[in-house]
Amino acid sequence: SASASASAAATPPPKQTVIITFKAIGDAPALAQTTYKLAATASFQAVVDFLRKRLSYKPTDPLYLFLNQAFQPNPEETISDLQKCFHTDGKLFVYYSTMQAWG
């Protein structure tokens, strides 16, 4: 319909990807590449799984992810929603540790 396409043109399309920068804390191993683009519609659990794969961590290895050096998001939260609330210069900074650091 013409009205649906007109209203769609009025609002910019949502971002398809979110830029995520990982920062190691404490004794957590650092990544050689720290910035990645992940699907905006993915859940935060996908970020956890992605980082585990990059670190060659097993599901049983301790790994904690934090936003704003303060809290662990719900695994069901979408990356796009977290980015809207907690971005810095358009990037989502995810801090990770092998032990509970904050919260």
Protein backbone atom coordinates (compact mmCIF):
# COMPACT_ATOMS: atom_id res chain seq x y z
CA SER A 1 0.00 0.00 0.00
CA ALA A 2 1.14 3.55 -0.69
CA SER A 3 0.54 4.81 2.85
CA ALA A 4 2.67 2.03 4.39
CA SER A 5 5.60 2.79 2.10
CA ALA A 6 5.29 6.53 2.76
CA SER A 7 5.41 6.06 6.53
CA ALA A 8 8.33 3.65 6.20
CA ALA A 9 10.23 6.25 4.20
CA ALA A 10 9.67 8.87 6.91
CA THR A 11 11.54 6.90 9.57
CA PRO A 12 15.07 5.66 8.99
CA PRO A 13 15.46 1.90 8.98
CA PRO A 14 16.84 0.37 12.19
CA LYS A 15 20.52 -0.45 12.23
CA GLN A 16 21.16 -3.94 10.97
CA THR A 17 24.34 -4.38 12.99
CA VAL A 18 25.73 -3.07 16.25
CA ILE A 19 29.44 -2.36 16.77
CA ILE A 20 30.63 -4.16 19.88
CA THR A 21 34.02 -3.59 21.50
CA PHE A 22 35.20 -6.22 23.95
CA LYS A 23 37.46 -5.25 26.87
CA ALA A 24 39.19 -7.84 29.05
CA ILE A 25 39.23 -7.35 32.83
CA GLY A 26 41.60 -8.91 35.34
CA ASP A 27 43.10 -12.19 34.23
CA ALA A 28 40.73 -12.68 31.27
CA PRO A 29 42.61 -13.25 28.01
CA ALA A 30 42.64 -10.28 25.64
CA LEU A 31 41.38 -10.66 22.08
CA ALA A 32 43.70 -9.79 19.19
CA GLN A 33 40.72 -8.09 17.50
CA THR A 34 38.43 -6.34 19.96
CA THR A 35 35.75 -4.74 17.76
CA TYR A 36 33.10 -6.71 15.87
CA LYS A 37 29.78 -6.07 14.17
CA LEU A 38 26.97 -8.33 15.33
CA ALA A 39 23.35 -8.55 14.19
CA ALA A 40 21.21 -5.94 15.95
CA THR A 41 18.38 -8.45 16.35
CA ALA A 42 20.58 -11.03 18.13
CA SER A 43 20.16 -11.67 21.84
CA PHE A 44 22.82 -10.86 24.41
CA GLN A 45 23.26 -14.63 24.77
CA ALA A 46 24.57 -14.57 21.18
CA VAL A 47 27.24 -12.08 22.34
CA VAL A 48 28.21 -14.47 25.15
CA ASP A 49 28.38 -17.39 22.72
CA PHE A 50 30.36 -15.34 20.19
CA LEU A 51 32.93 -14.33 22.81
CA ARG A 52 33.22 -17.90 24.14
CA LYS A 53 33.99 -19.10 20.62
CA ARG A 54 36.62 -16.37 20.09
CA LEU A 55 38.29 -17.27 23.40
CA SER A 56 37.98 -21.03 22.77
CA TYR A 57 36.11 -21.29 26.08
CA LYS A 58 33.92 -24.27 26.92
CA PRO A 59 30.39 -23.64 28.22
CA THR A 60 31.61 -24.68 31.68
CA ASP A 61 34.52 -22.19 31.74
CA PRO A 62 33.71 -19.15 33.93
CA LEU A 63 33.00 -16.04 31.86
CA TYR A 64 31.11 -12.93 32.95
CA LEU A 65 30.07 -10.11 30.63
CA PHE A 66 29.18 -6.61 31.79
CA LEU A 67 27.91 -3.37 30.29
CA ASN A 68 29.01 0.00 31.65
CA GLN A 69 31.36 -1.80 34.04
CA ALA A 70 28.32 -2.39 36.20
CA PHE A 71 25.82 -5.09 35.32
CA GLN A 72 25.18 -8.28 33.43
CA PRO A 73 22.32 -7.94 30.93
CA ASN A 74 19.56 -10.49 30.69
CA PRO A 75 20.58 -13.07 28.03
CA GLU A 76 17.24 -12.47 26.27
CA GLU A 77 17.82 -8.72 25.74
CA THR A 78 18.43 -7.77 22.11
CA ILE A 79 21.72 -6.17 21.18
CA SER A 80 19.89 -3.26 19.53
CA ASP A 81 17.95 -2.45 22.73
CA LEU A 82 21.12 -2.59 24.83
CA GLN A 83 22.95 -0.42 22.30
CA LYS A 84 20.20 2.23 22.45
CA CYS A 85 20.47 2.47 26.24
CA PHE A 86 24.16 1.91 26.91
CA HIS A 87 26.17 2.91 23.85
CA THR A 88 29.21 5.19 23.94
CA ASP A 89 29.80 7.03 20.65
CA GLY A 90 27.51 4.51 18.94
CA LYS A 91 29.48 1.47 20.16
CA LEU A 92 28.47 -1.05 22.78
CA PHE A 93 31.36 -1.75 25.14
CA VAL A 94 31.25 -5.23 26.63
CA TYR A 95 33.66 -5.93 29.49
CA TYR A 96 34.44 -9.54 30.27
CA SER A 97 36.08 -11.35 33.13
CA THR A 98 36.70 -14.87 34.39
CA MET A 99 35.21 -13.91 37.77
CA GLN A 100 32.41 -11.69 39.06
CA ALA A 101 33.79 -8.15 38.83
CA TRP A 102 30.79 -5.85 39.37
CA GLY A 103 27.16 -6.10 40.30
